[in-house]
């Protein structure tokens, strides 16, 4: 799907799956099914699902992630998002029981 195709959609959900090794087809299908459940089946909704492998990144990531670590993850999936201004101390974490 190119940029022109994306413009026709009102809602685009892009999901990056980053792993330390290549996923087998069964595991990749689990991610696809999950991602498809997030997208409304209407004509104006689209899903972009990208799989990336970067074993070195996982070896070097600390357990307590900081904004710089999240930015490294975004660069690993070739994302142009800049989250350097985010302050993790001011985020609310929501969970569902």
PDB file of N, CA and C in Angstrom:
ATOM      1  N   UNK A   1       0.856  -1.169   0.000  1.00  0.00           N
ATOM      2  CA  UNK A   1       0.000   0.000   0.000  1.00  0.00           C
ATOM      3  C   UNK A   1       0.902   1.232   0.000  1.00  0.00           C
ATOM      4  N   UNK A   2       0.705   2.111  -0.956  1.00  0.00           N
ATOM      5  CA  UNK A   2       1.529   3.309  -1.021  1.00  0.00           C
ATOM      6  C   UNK A   2       0.800   4.498  -0.392  1.00  0.00           C
ATOM      7  N   UNK A   3       1.484   5.634  -0.373  1.00  0.00           N
ATOM      8  CA  UNK A   3       0.952   6.832   0.292  1.00  0.00           C
ATOM      9  C   UNK A   3      -0.368   7.286  -0.332  1.00  0.00           C
ATOM     10  N   UNK A   4      -0.499   7.170  -1.639  1.00  0.00           N
ATOM     11  CA  UNK A   4      -1.733   7.573  -2.314  1.00  0.00           C
ATOM     12  C   UNK A   4      -2.905   6.686  -1.891  1.00  0.00           C
ATOM     13  N   UNK A   5      -2.652   5.397  -1.745  1.00  0.00           N
ATOM     14  CA  UNK A   5      -3.704   4.478  -1.301  1.00  0.00           C
ATOM     15  C   UNK A   5      -4.154   4.800   0.113  1.00  0.00           C
ATOM     16  N   UNK A   6      -3.213   5.173   0.965  1.00  0.00           N
ATOM     17  CA  UNK A   6      -3.531   5.466   2.364  1.00  0.00           C
ATOM     18  C   UNK A   6      -4.435   6.684   2.479  1.00  0.00           C
ATOM     19  N   UNK A   7      -4.290   7.655   1.592  1.00  0.00           N
ATOM     20  CA  UNK A   7      -5.061   8.890   1.659  1.00  0.00           C
ATOM     21  C   UNK A   7      -6.567   8.662   1.534  1.00  0.00           C
ATOM     22  N   UNK A   8      -6.997   7.580   0.933  1.00  0.00           N
ATOM     23  CA  UNK A   8      -8.423   7.328   0.761  1.00  0.00           C
ATOM     24  C   UNK A   8      -9.083   6.808   2.041  1.00  0.00           C
ATOM     25  N   UNK A   9      -8.296   6.428   3.021  1.00  0.00           N
ATOM     26  CA  UNK A   9      -8.829   5.898   4.268  1.00  0.00           C
ATOM     27  C   UNK A   9      -8.909   6.978   5.334  1.00  0.00           C
ATOM     28  N   UNK A  10      -9.946   6.918   6.158  1.00  0.00           N
ATOM     29  CA  UNK A  10     -10.097   7.851   7.264  1.00  0.00           C
ATOM     30  C   UNK A  10      -9.348   7.364   8.498  1.00  0.00           C
ATOM     31  N   UNK A  11      -9.285   6.064   8.663  1.00  0.00           N
ATOM     32  CA  UNK A  11      -8.629   5.471   9.824  1.00  0.00           C
ATOM     33  C   UNK A  11      -7.580   4.477   9.356  1.00  0.00           C
ATOM     34  N   UNK A  12      -6.329   4.734   9.714  1.00  0.00           N
ATOM     35  CA  UNK A  12      -5.235   3.822   9.374  1.00  0.00           C
ATOM     36  C   UNK A  12      -4.535   3.446  10.665  1.00  0.00           C
ATOM     37  N   UNK A  13      -4.468   2.163  10.919  1.00  0.00           N
ATOM     38  CA  UNK A  13      -3.743   1.662  12.082  1.00  0.00           C
ATOM     39  C   UNK A  13      -2.499   0.962  11.571  1.00  0.00           C
ATOM     40  N   UNK A  14      -1.349   1.425  12.062  1.00  0.00           N
ATOM     41  CA  UNK A  14      -0.082   0.825  11.653  1.00  0.00           C
ATOM     42  C   UNK A  14       0.527   0.159  12.882  1.00  0.00           C
ATOM     43  N   UNK A  15       0.811  -1.124  12.755  1.00  0.00           N
ATOM     44  CA  UNK A  15       1.362  -1.906  13.856  1.00  0.00           C
ATOM     45  C   UNK A  15       2.708  -2.473  13.423  1.00  0.00           C
ATOM     46  N   UNK A  16       3.709  -2.239  14.250  1.00  0.00           N
ATOM     47  CA  UNK A  16       5.030  -2.803  14.023  1.00  0.00           C
ATOM     48  C   UNK A  16       5.218  -3.972  14.982  1.00  0.00           C
ATOM     49  N   UNK A  17       5.658  -5.093  14.477  1.00  0.00           N
ATOM     50  CA  UNK A  17       5.999  -6.246  15.309  1.00  0.00           C
ATOM     51  C   UNK A  17       7.510  -6.395  15.217  1.00  0.00           C
ATOM     52  N   UNK A  18       8.177  -6.187  16.346  1.00  0.00           N
ATOM     53  CA  UNK A  18       9.632  -6.257  16.403  1.00  0.00           C
ATOM     54  C   UNK A  18      10.021  -7.461  17.239  1.00  0.00           C
ATOM     55  N   UNK A  19      10.840  -8.336  16.683  1.00  0.00           N
ATOM     56  CA  UNK A  19      11.247  -9.540  17.402  1.00  0.00           C
ATOM     57  C   UNK A  19      12.741  -9.768  17.238  1.00  0.00           C
ATOM     58  N   UNK A  20      13.267 -10.637  18.079  1.00  0.00           N
ATOM     59  CA  UNK A  20      14.702 -10.918  18.038  1.00  0.00           C
ATOM     60  C   UNK A  20      15.052 -11.992  17.014  1.00  0.00           C
ATOM     61  N   UNK A  21      14.047 -12.685  16.499  1.00  0.00           N
ATOM     62  CA  UNK A  21      14.277 -13.681  15.454  1.00  0.00           C
ATOM     63  C   UNK A  21      13.057 -13.730  14.540  1.00  0.00           C
ATOM     64  N   UNK A  22      13.255 -14.282  13.375  1.00  0.00           N
ATOM     65  CA  UNK A  22      12.175 -14.377  12.387  1.00  0.00           C
ATOM     66  C   UNK A  22      11.020 -15.203  12.954  1.00  0.00           C
ATOM     67  N   UNK A  23       9.810 -14.686  12.846  1.00  0.00           N
ATOM     68  CA  UNK A  23       8.639 -15.416  13.333  1.00  0.00           C
ATOM     69  C   UNK A  23       8.262 -16.519  12.350  1.00  0.00           C
ATOM     70  N   UNK A  24       7.823 -17.644  12.892  1.00  0.00           N
ATOM     71  CA  UNK A  24       7.296 -18.661  11.991  1.00  0.00           C
ATOM     72  C   UNK A  24       5.897 -18.232  11.550  1.00  0.00           C
ATOM     73  N   UNK A  25       5.358 -18.878  10.565  1.00  0.00           N
ATOM     74  CA  UNK A  25       4.082 -18.457   9.974  1.00  0.00           C
ATOM     75  C   UNK A  25       2.932 -18.509  10.979  1.00  0.00           C
ATOM     76  N   UNK A  26       2.952 -19.496  11.856  1.00  0.00           N
ATOM     77  CA  UNK A  26       1.894 -19.629  12.866  1.00  0.00           C
ATOM     78  C   UNK A  26       1.899 -18.442  13.829  1.00  0.00           C
ATOM     79  N   UNK A  27       3.083 -18.036  14.294  1.00  0.00           N
ATOM     80  CA  UNK A  27       3.185 -16.881  15.193  1.00  0.00           C
ATOM     81  C   UNK A  27       2.792 -15.595  14.479  1.00  0.00           C
ATOM     82  N   UNK A  28       3.216 -15.454  13.227  1.00  0.00           N
ATOM     83  CA  UNK A  28       2.852 -14.266  12.454  1.00  0.00           C
ATOM     84  C   UNK A  28       1.347 -14.193  12.260  1.00  0.00           C
ATOM     85  N   UNK A  29       0.702 -15.325  12.051  1.00  0.00           N
ATOM     86  CA  UNK A  29      -0.759 -15.355  11.891  1.00  0.00           C
ATOM     87  C   UNK A  29      -1.467 -14.904  13.168  1.00  0.00           C
ATOM     88  N   UNK A  30      -0.912 -15.239  14.322  1.00  0.00           N
ATOM     89  CA  UNK A  30      -1.508 -14.795  15.594  1.00  0.00           C
ATOM     90  C   UNK A  30      -1.503 -13.268  15.655  1.00  0.00           C
ATOM     91  N   UNK A  31      -0.389 -12.645  15.270  1.00  0.00           N
ATOM     92  CA  UNK A  31      -0.317 -11.184  15.256  1.00  0.00           C
ATOM     93  C   UNK A  31      -1.281 -10.599  14.231  1.00  0.00           C
ATOM     94  N   UNK A  32      -1.395 -11.221  13.074  1.00  0.00           N
ATOM     95  CA  UNK A  32      -2.317 -10.730  12.043  1.00  0.00           C
ATOM     96  C   UNK A  32      -3.761 -10.775  12.530  1.00  0.00           C
ATOM     97  N   UNK A  33      -4.154 -11.881  13.153  1.00  0.00           N
ATOM     98  CA  UNK A  33      -5.520 -12.010  13.653  1.00  0.00           C
ATOM     99  C   UNK A  33      -5.809 -10.961  14.722  1.00  0.00           C
ATOM    100  N   UNK A  34      -4.861 -10.769  15.637  1.00  0.00           N
ATOM    101  CA  UNK A  34      -5.026  -9.761  16.678  1.00  0.00           C
ATOM    102  C   UNK A  34      -5.169  -8.373  16.065  1.00  0.00           C
ATOM    103  N   UNK A  35      -4.297  -8.045  15.124  1.00  0.00           N
ATOM    104  CA  UNK A  35      -4.324  -6.729  14.492  1.00  0.00           C
ATOM    105  C   UNK A  35      -5.616  -6.510  13.718  1.00  0.00           C
ATOM    106  N   UNK A  36      -6.107  -7.519  13.046  1.00  0.00           N
ATOM    107  CA  UNK A  36      -7.342  -7.378  12.269  1.00  0.00           C
ATOM    108  C   UNK A  36      -8.542  -7.138  13.178  1.00  0.00           C
ATOM    109  N   UNK A  37      -8.491  -7.643  14.402  1.00  0.00           N
ATOM    110  CA  UNK A  37      -9.573  -7.388  15.347  1.00  0.00           C
ATOM    111  C   UNK A  37      -9.589  -5.931  15.811  1.00  0.00           C
ATOM    112  N   UNK A  38      -8.465  -5.228  15.667  1.00  0.00           N
ATOM    113  CA  UNK A  38      -8.393  -3.823  16.067  1.00  0.00           C
ATOM    114  C   UNK A  38      -9.002  -2.886  15.032  1.00  0.00           C
ATOM    115  N   UNK A  39      -9.128  -3.365  13.810  1.00  0.00           N
ATOM    116  CA  UNK A  39      -9.563  -2.519  12.703  1.00  0.00           C
ATOM    117  C   UNK A  39     -11.023  -2.786  12.391  1.00  0.00           C
ATOM    118  N   UNK A  40     -11.765  -1.703  12.270  1.00  0.00           N
ATOM    119  CA  UNK A  40     -13.160  -1.801  11.866  1.00  0.00           C
ATOM    120  C   UNK A  40     -13.204  -2.289  10.427  1.00  0.00           C
ATOM    121  N   UNK A  41     -14.106  -3.164  10.108  1.00  0.00           N
ATOM    122  CA  UNK A  41     -14.177  -3.762   8.777  1.00  0.00           C
ATOM    123  C   UNK A  41     -14.774  -2.874   7.711  1.00  0.00           C
ATOM    124  N   UNK A  42     -14.988  -1.624   8.001  1.00  0.00           N
ATOM    125  CA  UNK A  42     -15.592  -0.712   7.023  1.00  0.00           C
ATOM    126  C   UNK A  42     -14.580  -0.346   5.935  1.00  0.00           C
ATOM    127  N   UNK A  43     -15.078   0.157   4.822  1.00  0.00           N
ATOM    128  CA  UNK A  43     -14.232   0.488   3.672  1.00  0.00           C
ATOM    129  C   UNK A  43     -13.230   1.604   3.961  1.00  0.00           C
ATOM    130  N   UNK A  44     -13.520   2.483   4.923  1.00  0.00           N
ATOM    131  CA  UNK A  44     -12.640   3.625   5.166  1.00  0.00           C
ATOM    132  C   UNK A  44     -11.589   3.346   6.246  1.00  0.00           C
ATOM    133  N   UNK A  45     -11.436   2.093   6.646  1.00  0.00           N
ATOM    134  CA  UNK A  45     -10.441   1.701   7.651  1.00  0.00           C
ATOM    135  C   UNK A  45      -9.391   0.791   7.014  1.00  0.00           C
ATOM    136  N   UNK A  46      -8.143   0.973   7.432  1.00  0.00           N
ATOM    137  CA  UNK A  46      -7.062   0.164   6.867  1.00  0.00           C
ATOM    138  C   UNK A  46      -6.096  -0.258   7.962  1.00  0.00           C
ATOM    139  N   UNK A  47      -5.418  -1.361   7.712  1.00  0.00           N
ATOM    140  CA  UNK A  47      -4.414  -1.890   8.628  1.00  0.00           C
ATOM    141  C   UNK A  47      -3.113  -2.083   7.870  1.00  0.00           C
ATOM    142  N   UNK A  48      -2.028  -1.608   8.475  1.00  0.00           N
ATOM    143  CA  UNK A  48      -0.691  -1.852   7.941  1.00  0.00           C
ATOM    144  C   UNK A  48       0.062  -2.594   9.040  1.00  0.00           C
ATOM    145  N   UNK A  49       0.525  -3.791   8.732  1.00  0.00           N
ATOM    146  CA  UNK A  49       1.223  -4.626   9.708  1.00  0.00           C
ATOM    147  C   UNK A  49       2.614  -4.926   9.167  1.00  0.00           C
ATOM    148  N   UNK A  50       3.639  -4.453   9.895  1.00  0.00           N
ATOM    149  CA  UNK A  50       5.026  -4.648   9.474  1.00  0.00           C
ATOM    150  C   UNK A  50       5.760  -5.508  10.489  1.00  0.00           C
ATOM    151  N   UNK A  51       6.484  -6.513   9.993  1.00  0.00           N
ATOM    152  CA  UNK A  51       7.304  -7.378  10.842  1.00  0.00           C
ATOM    153  C   UNK A  51       8.770  -6.997  10.659  1.00  0.00           C
ATOM    154  N   UNK A  52       9.480  -6.830  11.772  1.00  0.00           N
ATOM    155  CA  UNK A  52      10.901  -6.485  11.741  1.00  0.00           C
ATOM    156  C   UNK A  52      11.653  -7.405  12.694  1.00  0.00           C
ATOM    157  N   UNK A  53      12.891  -7.732  12.323  1.00  0.00           N
ATOM    158  CA  UNK A  53      13.749  -8.576  13.148  1.00  0.00           C
ATOM    159  C   UNK A  53      15.007  -7.789  13.485  1.00  0.00           C
ATOM    160  N   UNK A  54      15.328  -7.732  14.793  1.00  0.00           N
ATOM    161  CA  UNK A  54      16.539  -7.056  15.234  1.00  0.00           C
ATOM    162  C   UNK A  54      16.986  -7.677  16.548  1.00  0.00           C
ATOM    163  N   UNK A  55      17.756  -8.749  16.461  1.00  0.00           N
ATOM    164  CA  UNK A  55      18.219  -9.455  17.646  1.00  0.00           C
ATOM    165  C   UNK A  55      19.154  -8.646  18.501  1.00  0.00           C
ATOM    166  N   UNK A  56      19.999  -7.839  17.868  1.00  0.00           N
ATOM    167  CA  UNK A  56      20.970  -7.031  18.605  1.00  0.00           C
ATOM    168  C   UNK A  56      20.286  -6.025  19.526  1.00  0.00           C
ATOM    169  N   UNK A  57      19.200  -5.451  19.074  1.00  0.00           N
ATOM    170  CA  UNK A  57      18.474  -4.473  19.879  1.00  0.00           C
ATOM    171  C   UNK A  57      17.997  -5.096  21.186  1.00  0.00           C
ATOM    172  N   UNK A  58      17.474  -6.311  21.122  1.00  0.00           N
ATOM    173  CA  UNK A  58      16.958  -6.965  22.316  1.00  0.00           C
ATOM    174  C   UNK A  58      18.065  -7.319  23.301  1.00  0.00           C
ATOM    175  N   UNK A  59      19.253  -7.600  22.796  1.00  0.00           N
ATOM    176  CA  UNK A  59      20.370  -7.927  23.679  1.00  0.00           C
ATOM    177  C   UNK A  59      20.834  -6.719  24.473  1.00  0.00           C
ATOM    178  N   UNK A  60      20.674  -5.523  23.913  1.00  0.00           N
ATOM    179  CA  UNK A  60      21.202  -4.313  24.533  1.00  0.00           C
ATOM    180  C   UNK A  60      20.174  -3.466  25.263  1.00  0.00           C
ATOM    181  N   UNK A  61      18.897  -3.809  25.188  1.00  0.00           N
ATOM    182  CA  UNK A  61      17.875  -3.012  25.862  1.00  0.00           C
ATOM    183  C   UNK A  61      17.881  -3.277  27.365  1.00  0.00           C
ATOM    184  N   UNK A  62      17.816  -2.226  28.177  1.00  0.00           N
ATOM    185  CA  UNK A  62      17.713  -2.426  29.625  1.00  0.00           C
ATOM    186  C   UNK A  62      16.297  -2.871  30.001  1.00  0.00           C
ATOM    187  N   UNK A  63      16.141  -3.396  31.196  1.00  0.00           N
ATOM    188  CA  UNK A  63      14.811  -3.818  31.652  1.00  0.00           C
ATOM    189  C   UNK A  63      13.914  -2.628  31.946  1.00  0.00           C
ATOM    190  N   UNK A  64      14.488  -1.557  32.463  1.00  0.00           N
ATOM    191  CA  UNK A  64      13.730  -0.347  32.772  1.00  0.00           C
ATOM    192  C   UNK A  64      13.913   0.632  31.612  1.00  0.00           C
ATOM    193  N   UNK A  65      12.969   0.631  30.683  1.00  0.00           N
ATOM    194  CA  UNK A  65      13.112   1.421  29.457  1.00  0.00           C
ATOM    195  C   UNK A  65      12.891   2.902  29.702  1.00  0.00           C
ATOM    196  N   UNK A  66      13.700   3.700  29.056  1.00  0.00           N
ATOM    197  CA  UNK A  66      13.576   5.155  29.083  1.00  0.00           C
ATOM    198  C   UNK A  66      13.154   5.613  27.687  1.00  0.00           C
ATOM    199  N   UNK A  67      12.850   6.891  27.555  1.00  0.00           N
ATOM    200  CA  UNK A  67      12.388   7.425  26.272  1.00  0.00           C
ATOM    201  C   UNK A  67      13.404   7.145  25.166  1.00  0.00           C
ATOM    202  N   UNK A  68      14.684   7.245  25.472  1.00  0.00           N
ATOM    203  CA  UNK A  68      15.724   7.005  24.462  1.00  0.00           C
ATOM    204  C   UNK A  68      15.653   5.564  23.952  1.00  0.00           C
ATOM    205  N   UNK A  69      15.319   4.635  24.845  1.00  0.00           N
ATOM    206  CA  UNK A  69      15.206   3.231  24.449  1.00  0.00           C
ATOM    207  C   UNK A  69      14.003   3.014  23.528  1.00  0.00           C
ATOM    208  N   UNK A  70      12.901   3.663  23.849  1.00  0.00           N
ATOM    209  CA  UNK A  70      11.728   3.578  22.974  1.00  0.00           C
ATOM    210  C   UNK A  70      12.030   4.205  21.610  1.00  0.00           C
ATOM    211  N   UNK A  71      12.815   5.286  21.604  1.00  0.00           N
ATOM    212  CA  UNK A  71      13.189   5.918  20.342  1.00  0.00           C
ATOM    213  C   UNK A  71      14.051   4.970  19.509  1.00  0.00           C
ATOM    214  N   UNK A  72      14.935   4.197  20.145  1.00  0.00           N
ATOM    215  CA  UNK A  72      15.742   3.197  19.436  1.00  0.00           C
ATOM    216  C   UNK A  72      14.847   2.130  18.801  1.00  0.00           C
ATOM    217  N   UNK A  73      13.799   1.749  19.515  1.00  0.00           N
ATOM    218  CA  UNK A  73      12.859   0.762  18.980  1.00  0.00           C
ATOM    219  C   UNK A  73      12.172   1.325  17.738  1.00  0.00           C
ATOM    220  N   UNK A  74      11.754   2.579  17.802  1.00  0.00           N
ATOM    221  CA  UNK A  74      11.112   3.207  16.643  1.00  0.00           C
ATOM    222  C   UNK A  74      12.065   3.278  15.454  1.00  0.00           C
ATOM    223  N   UNK A  75      13.330   3.587  15.711  1.00  0.00           N
ATOM    224  CA  UNK A  75      14.311   3.615  14.612  1.00  0.00           C
ATOM    225  C   UNK A  75      14.526   2.217  14.038  1.00  0.00           C
ATOM    226  N   UNK A  76      14.454   1.195  14.875  1.00  0.00           N
ATOM    227  CA  UNK A  76      14.651  -0.185  14.411  1.00  0.00           C
ATOM    228  C   UNK A  76      13.568  -0.618  13.429  1.00  0.00           C
ATOM    229  N   UNK A  77      12.372  -0.056  13.570  1.00  0.00           N
ATOM    230  CA  UNK A  77      11.276  -0.401  12.658  1.00  0.00           C
ATOM    231  C   UNK A  77      11.111   0.657  11.557  1.00  0.00           C
ATOM    232  N   UNK A  78      12.130   1.494  11.432  1.00  0.00           N
ATOM    233  CA  UNK A  78      12.186   2.520  10.399  1.00  0.00           C
ATOM    234  C   UNK A  78      10.996   3.483  10.501  1.00  0.00           C
ATOM    235  N   UNK A  79      10.728   3.919  11.713  1.00  0.00           N
ATOM    236  CA  UNK A  79       9.667   4.895  11.955  1.00  0.00           C
ATOM    237  C   UNK A  79      10.283   6.279  12.093  1.00  0.00           C
ATOM    238  N   UNK A  80       9.592   7.277  11.618  1.00  0.00           N
ATOM    239  CA  UNK A  80      10.072   8.656  11.710  1.00  0.00           C
ATOM    240  C   UNK A  80       9.487   9.397  12.910  1.00  0.00           C
ATOM    241  N   UNK A  81       8.731   8.707  13.755  1.00  0.00           N
ATOM    242  CA  UNK A  81       8.165   9.353  14.930  1.00  0.00           C
ATOM    243  C   UNK A  81       9.273   9.802  15.867  1.00  0.00           C
ATOM    244  N   UNK A  82       9.103  10.995  16.427  1.00  0.00           N
ATOM    245  CA  UNK A  82      10.053  11.530  17.396  1.00  0.00           C
ATOM    246  C   UNK A  82       9.341  11.649  18.737  1.00  0.00           C
ATOM    247  N   UNK A  83       9.767  10.853  19.690  1.00  0.00           N
ATOM    248  CA  UNK A  83       9.142  10.896  21.021  1.00  0.00           C
ATOM    249  C   UNK A  83      10.125  11.416  22.066  1.00  0.00           C
ATOM    250  N   UNK A  84      11.178  12.095  21.630  1.00  0.00           N
ATOM    251  CA  UNK A  84      12.204  12.573  22.553  1.00  0.00           C
ATOM    252  C   UNK A  84      11.651  13.567  23.578  1.00  0.00           C
ATOM    253  N   UNK A  85      10.549  14.219  23.275  1.00  0.00           N
ATOM    254  CA  UNK A  85       9.953  15.201  24.176  1.00  0.00           C
ATOM    255  C   UNK A  85       9.051  14.567  25.246  1.00  0.00           C
ATOM    256  N   UNK A  86       8.770  13.289  25.140  1.00  0.00           N
ATOM    257  CA  UNK A  86       7.857  12.607  26.059  1.00  0.00           C
ATOM    258  C   UNK A  86       8.518  12.439  27.431  1.00  0.00           C
ATOM    259  N   UNK A  87       7.768  12.734  28.466  1.00  0.00           N
ATOM    260  CA  UNK A  87       8.236  12.534  29.834  1.00  0.00           C
ATOM    261  C   UNK A  87       7.459  11.350  30.414  1.00  0.00           C
ATOM    262  N   UNK A  88       8.128  10.236  30.608  1.00  0.00           N
ATOM    263  CA  UNK A  88       7.452   9.021  31.075  1.00  0.00           C
ATOM    264  C   UNK A  88       6.885   9.164  32.484  1.00  0.00           C
ATOM    265  N   UNK A  89       7.390  10.118  33.255  1.00  0.00           N
ATOM    266  CA  UNK A  89       6.882  10.323  34.615  1.00  0.00           C
ATOM    267  C   UNK A  89       5.471  10.898  34.620  1.00  0.00           C
ATOM    268  N   UNK A  90       5.048  11.470  33.502  1.00  0.00           N
ATOM    269  CA  UNK A  90       3.729  12.100  33.433  1.00  0.00           C
ATOM    270  C   UNK A  90       2.707  11.286  32.645  1.00  0.00           C
ATOM    271  N   UNK A  91       3.027  10.040  32.376  1.00  0.00           N
ATOM    272  CA  UNK A  91       2.096   9.183  31.649  1.00  0.00           C
ATOM    273  C   UNK A  91       1.217   8.413  32.624  1.00  0.00           C
ATOM    274  N   UNK A  92       0.008   8.167  32.206  1.00  0.00           N
ATOM    275  CA  UNK A  92      -0.899   7.322  32.966  1.00  0.00           C
ATOM    276  C   UNK A  92      -0.915   5.945  32.324  1.00  0.00           C
ATOM    277  N   UNK A  93      -0.788   4.940  33.129  1.00  0.00           N
ATOM    278  CA  UNK A  93      -0.827   3.571  32.610  1.00  0.00           C
ATOM    279  C   UNK A  93      -2.181   2.981  32.939  1.00  0.00           C
ATOM    280  N   UNK A  94      -2.860   2.510  31.928  1.00  0.00           N
ATOM    281  CA  UNK A  94      -4.175   1.923  32.106  1.00  0.00           C
ATOM    282  C   UNK A  94      -4.085   0.418  31.928  1.00  0.00           C
ATOM    283  N   UNK A  95      -4.855  -0.276  32.708  1.00  0.00           N
ATOM    284  CA  UNK A  95      -4.907  -1.727  32.516  1.00  0.00           C
ATOM    285  C   UNK A  95      -6.364  -2.150  32.604  1.00  0.00           C
ATOM    286  N   UNK A  96      -6.627  -3.280  32.040  1.00  0.00           N
ATOM    287  CA  UNK A  96      -7.981  -3.802  32.038  1.00  0.00           C
ATOM    288  C   UNK A  96      -7.965  -5.169  32.702  1.00  0.00           C
ATOM    289  N   UNK A  97      -8.759  -5.311  33.726  1.00  0.00           N
ATOM    290  CA  UNK A  97      -8.817  -6.597  34.441  1.00  0.00           C
ATOM    291  C   UNK A  97      -9.787  -7.534  33.797  1.00  0.00           C
TER     292      UNK A  97
END
